[in-house]
Amino acid sequence: MMDKLDKESKKVISYLKSKDLDSFGFIKYSYFKRLITFVTSNPNNYELRKIFLYLLEKDYIIKKKNDGVNSYLYKFNNKYRKIDDNSAVTIYFD
């Protein structure tokens, strides 16, 4: 089961990186669930939740509690994001 979990989670991570999901900010679990279902083509809720919890445990997803509510929001943590050193920045002074 662990080999399958690693394999599926790598597919999910590469898809989330390609979609630049870290720029979306904090989103609900249901959105992650739909994305994981799309990538893995697996409608089994137990396995989807297991992949999500694995990503949460490995710090690919950040968890934040909502204020005053018993719910959480999650954000994809693209900690291995490449920084483009060739990008130009223009600074204007008045």
N, C-alpha and C. Protein backbone atom coordinates (compact mmCIF):
# COMPACT_ATOMS: atom_id res chain seq x y z
N MET A 1 0.82 -1.20 0.00
CA MET A 1 0.00 0.00 0.00
C MET A 1 0.87 1.27 0.00
N MET A 2 2.01 1.21 0.69
CA MET A 2 2.85 2.39 0.78
C MET A 2 3.46 2.76 -0.57
N ASP A 3 3.83 1.76 -1.37
CA ASP A 3 4.36 2.05 -2.70
C ASP A 3 3.32 2.73 -3.58
N LYS A 4 2.09 2.25 -3.49
CA LYS A 4 1.00 2.85 -4.26
C LYS A 4 0.75 4.28 -3.78
N LEU A 5 0.80 4.47 -2.47
CA LEU A 5 0.59 5.80 -1.89
C LEU A 5 1.67 6.77 -2.34
N ASP A 6 2.92 6.34 -2.33
CA ASP A 6 4.01 7.18 -2.81
C ASP A 6 3.85 7.53 -4.28
N LYS A 7 3.51 6.54 -5.07
CA LYS A 7 3.34 6.73 -6.51
C LYS A 7 2.22 7.72 -6.81
N GLU A 8 1.08 7.51 -6.15
CA GLU A 8 -0.07 8.39 -6.37
C GLU A 8 0.21 9.81 -5.86
N SER A 9 0.87 9.92 -4.72
CA SER A 9 1.14 11.24 -4.17
C SER A 9 2.13 12.01 -5.06
N LYS A 10 3.09 11.33 -5.67
CA LYS A 10 4.01 12.00 -6.59
C LYS A 10 3.27 12.55 -7.81
N LYS A 11 2.30 11.78 -8.31
CA LYS A 11 1.49 12.28 -9.43
C LYS A 11 0.71 13.51 -9.02
N VAL A 12 0.13 13.47 -7.81
CA VAL A 12 -0.66 14.59 -7.33
C VAL A 12 0.22 15.82 -7.13
N ILE A 13 1.39 15.65 -6.54
CA ILE A 13 2.29 16.77 -6.29
C ILE A 13 2.72 17.42 -7.61
N SER A 14 3.07 16.62 -8.59
CA SER A 14 3.49 17.20 -9.88
C SER A 14 2.34 17.94 -10.55
N TYR A 15 1.11 17.42 -10.41
CA TYR A 15 -0.05 18.11 -11.00
C TYR A 15 -0.30 19.43 -10.27
N LEU A 16 -0.24 19.42 -8.95
CA LEU A 16 -0.48 20.65 -8.19
C LEU A 16 0.59 21.70 -8.48
N LYS A 17 1.83 21.26 -8.69
CA LYS A 17 2.89 22.20 -9.06
C LYS A 17 2.63 22.78 -10.44
N SER A 18 2.18 21.94 -11.36
CA SER A 18 1.94 22.42 -12.73
C SER A 18 0.78 23.41 -12.77
N LYS A 19 -0.17 23.26 -11.88
CA LYS A 19 -1.31 24.18 -11.81
C LYS A 19 -1.02 25.42 -10.97
N ASP A 20 0.19 25.49 -10.38
CA ASP A 20 0.60 26.61 -9.54
C ASP A 20 -0.43 26.86 -8.43
N LEU A 21 -0.79 25.79 -7.76
CA LEU A 21 -1.86 25.85 -6.76
C LEU A 21 -1.47 26.64 -5.52
N ASP A 22 -0.20 26.83 -5.27
CA ASP A 22 0.20 27.60 -4.09
C ASP A 22 -0.20 29.07 -4.21
N SER A 23 -0.43 29.55 -5.41
CA SER A 23 -0.86 30.93 -5.59
C SER A 23 -2.36 31.11 -5.32
N PHE A 24 -3.09 30.03 -5.13
CA PHE A 24 -4.54 30.10 -4.86
C PHE A 24 -4.83 30.51 -3.42
N GLY A 25 -3.85 30.40 -2.54
CA GLY A 25 -4.07 30.71 -1.13
C GLY A 25 -4.71 29.52 -0.42
N PHE A 26 -5.38 29.78 0.68
CA PHE A 26 -6.01 28.72 1.46
C PHE A 26 -7.37 28.36 0.87
N ILE A 27 -7.59 27.06 0.66
CA ILE A 27 -8.83 26.56 0.06
C ILE A 27 -9.37 25.39 0.86
N LYS A 28 -10.60 25.01 0.58
CA LYS A 28 -11.26 23.92 1.30
C LYS A 28 -10.71 22.55 0.89
N TYR A 29 -10.93 21.58 1.78
CA TYR A 29 -10.54 20.20 1.49
C TYR A 29 -11.25 19.68 0.25
N SER A 30 -12.50 20.07 0.07
CA SER A 30 -13.28 19.54 -1.05
C SER A 30 -12.63 19.86 -2.40
N TYR A 31 -11.95 21.00 -2.49
CA TYR A 31 -11.26 21.35 -3.74
C TYR A 31 -10.06 20.42 -3.96
N PHE A 32 -9.31 20.18 -2.89
CA PHE A 32 -8.20 19.23 -2.99
C PHE A 32 -8.70 17.84 -3.34
N LYS A 33 -9.82 17.46 -2.76
CA LYS A 33 -10.39 16.14 -3.02
C LYS A 33 -10.74 15.98 -4.50
N ARG A 34 -11.34 17.01 -5.09
CA ARG A 34 -11.67 16.95 -6.52
C ARG A 34 -10.43 16.85 -7.39
N LEU A 35 -9.40 17.60 -7.03
CA LEU A 35 -8.15 17.55 -7.80
C LEU A 35 -7.47 16.18 -7.69
N ILE A 36 -7.44 15.63 -6.48
CA ILE A 36 -6.83 14.31 -6.28
C ILE A 36 -7.63 13.25 -7.02
N THR A 37 -8.95 13.36 -7.00
CA THR A 37 -9.80 12.42 -7.73
C THR A 37 -9.51 12.49 -9.23
N PHE A 38 -9.35 13.70 -9.74
CA PHE A 38 -9.07 13.88 -11.16
C PHE A 38 -7.73 13.26 -11.55
N VAL A 39 -6.71 13.49 -10.73
CA VAL A 39 -5.36 13.01 -11.05
C VAL A 39 -5.27 11.50 -10.94
N THR A 40 -5.84 10.94 -9.88
CA THR A 40 -5.70 9.50 -9.63
C THR A 40 -6.78 8.67 -10.32
N SER A 41 -7.84 9.28 -10.77
CA SER A 41 -9.00 8.58 -11.35
C SER A 41 -9.55 7.53 -10.40
N ASN A 42 -9.54 7.86 -9.13
CA ASN A 42 -9.98 6.94 -8.08
C ASN A 42 -11.08 7.63 -7.25
N PRO A 43 -12.31 7.15 -7.31
CA PRO A 43 -13.38 7.78 -6.54
C PRO A 43 -13.50 7.30 -5.09
N ASN A 44 -12.60 6.43 -4.65
CA ASN A 44 -12.66 5.88 -3.30
C ASN A 44 -12.26 6.95 -2.27
N ASN A 45 -13.23 7.35 -1.43
CA ASN A 45 -12.99 8.43 -0.46
C ASN A 45 -11.89 8.09 0.53
N TYR A 46 -11.81 6.83 0.94
CA TYR A 46 -10.80 6.41 1.91
C TYR A 46 -9.39 6.63 1.35
N GLU A 47 -9.17 6.22 0.13
CA GLU A 47 -7.84 6.36 -0.47
C GLU A 47 -7.52 7.82 -0.78
N LEU A 48 -8.52 8.60 -1.17
CA LEU A 48 -8.30 10.02 -1.42
C LEU A 48 -7.88 10.73 -0.14
N ARG A 49 -8.57 10.41 0.95
CA ARG A 49 -8.25 11.02 2.23
C ARG A 49 -6.85 10.59 2.70
N LYS A 50 -6.51 9.35 2.43
CA LYS A 50 -5.19 8.84 2.81
C LYS A 50 -4.07 9.58 2.05
N ILE A 51 -4.27 9.84 0.77
CA ILE A 51 -3.30 10.60 -0.02
C ILE A 51 -3.20 12.02 0.52
N PHE A 52 -4.35 12.63 0.81
CA PHE A 52 -4.37 13.99 1.34
C PHE A 52 -3.63 14.07 2.68
N LEU A 53 -3.89 13.13 3.57
CA LEU A 53 -3.23 13.13 4.88
C LEU A 53 -1.73 12.87 4.75
N TYR A 54 -1.35 12.07 3.78
CA TYR A 54 0.07 11.83 3.52
C TYR A 54 0.76 13.12 3.08
N LEU A 55 0.12 13.89 2.20
CA LEU A 55 0.66 15.17 1.75
C LEU A 55 0.72 16.18 2.90
N LEU A 56 -0.28 16.13 3.77
CA LEU A 56 -0.32 17.00 4.94
C LEU A 56 0.82 16.65 5.90
N GLU A 57 1.05 15.38 6.08
CA GLU A 57 2.11 14.90 6.98
C GLU A 57 3.50 15.27 6.45
N LYS A 58 3.68 15.23 5.14
CA LYS A 58 4.97 15.54 4.52
C LYS A 58 5.16 17.04 4.26
N ASP A 59 4.27 17.86 4.78
CA ASP A 59 4.32 19.33 4.67
C ASP A 59 4.19 19.85 3.25
N TYR A 60 3.53 19.11 2.40
CA TYR A 60 3.20 19.64 1.08
C TYR A 60 1.92 20.47 1.14
N ILE A 61 1.16 20.29 2.21
CA ILE A 61 -0.07 21.04 2.42
C ILE A 61 -0.01 21.65 3.82
N ILE A 62 -0.38 22.93 3.92
CA ILE A 62 -0.40 23.65 5.19
C ILE A 62 -1.85 23.73 5.66
N LYS A 63 -2.06 23.54 6.95
CA LYS A 63 -3.40 23.53 7.54
C LYS A 63 -3.59 24.79 8.38
N LYS A 64 -4.75 25.45 8.21
CA LYS A 64 -5.07 26.66 8.97
C LYS A 64 -6.51 26.58 9.47
N LYS A 65 -6.70 26.84 10.77
CA LYS A 65 -8.04 26.79 11.35
C LYS A 65 -8.79 28.08 11.06
N ASN A 66 -10.07 27.94 10.70
CA ASN A 66 -10.93 29.11 10.49
C ASN A 66 -11.23 29.78 11.82
N ASP A 67 -11.42 31.07 11.81
CA ASP A 67 -11.74 31.81 13.04
C ASP A 67 -13.16 31.50 13.49
N GLY A 68 -13.30 31.02 14.72
CA GLY A 68 -14.61 30.80 15.31
C GLY A 68 -15.40 29.63 14.74
N VAL A 69 -14.82 28.88 13.86
CA VAL A 69 -15.53 27.76 13.22
C VAL A 69 -14.70 26.50 13.40
N ASN A 70 -15.36 25.37 13.45
CA ASN A 70 -14.66 24.09 13.60
C ASN A 70 -14.28 23.51 12.24
N SER A 71 -13.71 24.31 11.39
CA SER A 71 -13.29 23.83 10.08
C SER A 71 -11.90 24.36 9.77
N TYR A 72 -11.29 23.80 8.75
CA TYR A 72 -9.93 24.15 8.38
C TYR A 72 -9.85 24.52 6.90
N LEU A 73 -8.87 25.32 6.58
CA LEU A 73 -8.52 25.62 5.20
C LEU A 73 -7.11 25.10 4.97
N TYR A 74 -6.80 24.77 3.72
CA TYR A 74 -5.52 24.16 3.39
C TYR A 74 -4.88 24.90 2.23
N LYS A 75 -3.55 24.90 2.23
CA LYS A 75 -2.80 25.56 1.16
C LYS A 75 -1.69 24.64 0.71
N PHE A 76 -1.52 24.55 -0.61
CA PHE A 76 -0.43 23.76 -1.15
C PHE A 76 0.87 24.49 -0.91
N ASN A 77 1.85 23.82 -0.35
CA ASN A 77 3.15 24.39 -0.02
C ASN A 77 4.16 23.91 -1.03
N ASN A 78 4.41 24.71 -2.03
CA ASN A 78 5.36 24.34 -3.07
C ASN A 78 6.76 24.73 -2.60
N LYS A 79 7.28 23.97 -1.64
CA LYS A 79 8.54 24.33 -1.01
C LYS A 79 9.75 24.14 -1.91
N TYR A 80 9.58 23.44 -3.00
CA TYR A 80 10.68 23.23 -3.92
C TYR A 80 10.52 24.05 -5.19
N ARG A 81 9.84 25.16 -5.07
CA ARG A 81 9.57 26.01 -6.22
C ARG A 81 10.87 26.64 -6.72
N LYS A 82 11.08 26.57 -8.00
CA LYS A 82 12.27 27.17 -8.60
C LYS A 82 12.08 28.67 -8.71
N ILE A 83 13.13 29.40 -8.38
CA ILE A 83 13.10 30.85 -8.50
C ILE A 83 13.86 31.22 -9.76
N ASP A 84 13.23 31.99 -10.60
CA ASP A 84 13.83 32.39 -11.87
C ASP A 84 14.74 33.59 -11.63
N ASP A 85 16.05 33.38 -11.72
CA ASP A 85 17.01 34.45 -11.49
C ASP A 85 17.08 35.42 -12.66
N ASN A 86 16.58 35.03 -13.80
CA ASN A 86 16.64 35.87 -14.98
C ASN A 86 15.45 36.80 -15.11
N SER A 87 14.54 36.77 -14.17
CA SER A 87 13.37 37.63 -14.27
C SER A 87 13.76 39.08 -13.99
N ALA A 88 13.25 39.99 -14.76
CA ALA A 88 13.58 41.40 -14.64
C ALA A 88 12.61 42.09 -13.70
N VAL A 89 13.15 42.95 -12.88
CA VAL A 89 12.34 43.76 -11.96
C VAL A 89 12.64 45.21 -12.24
N THR A 90 11.60 45.99 -12.46
CA THR A 90 11.76 47.40 -12.74
C THR A 90 11.37 48.20 -11.50
N ILE A 91 12.25 49.05 -11.05
CA ILE A 91 11.98 49.87 -9.87
C ILE A 91 11.98 51.33 -10.32
N TYR A 92 10.92 52.04 -9.97
CA TYR A 92 10.79 53.45 -10.31
C TYR A 92 10.92 54.30 -9.04
N PHE A 93 11.70 55.35 -9.12
CA PHE A 93 11.84 56.28 -8.03
C PHE A 93 11.21 57.60 -8.42
N ASP A 94 10.51 58.20 -7.47
CA ASP A 94 9.88 59.50 -7.75
C ASP A 94 10.85 60.64 -7.59
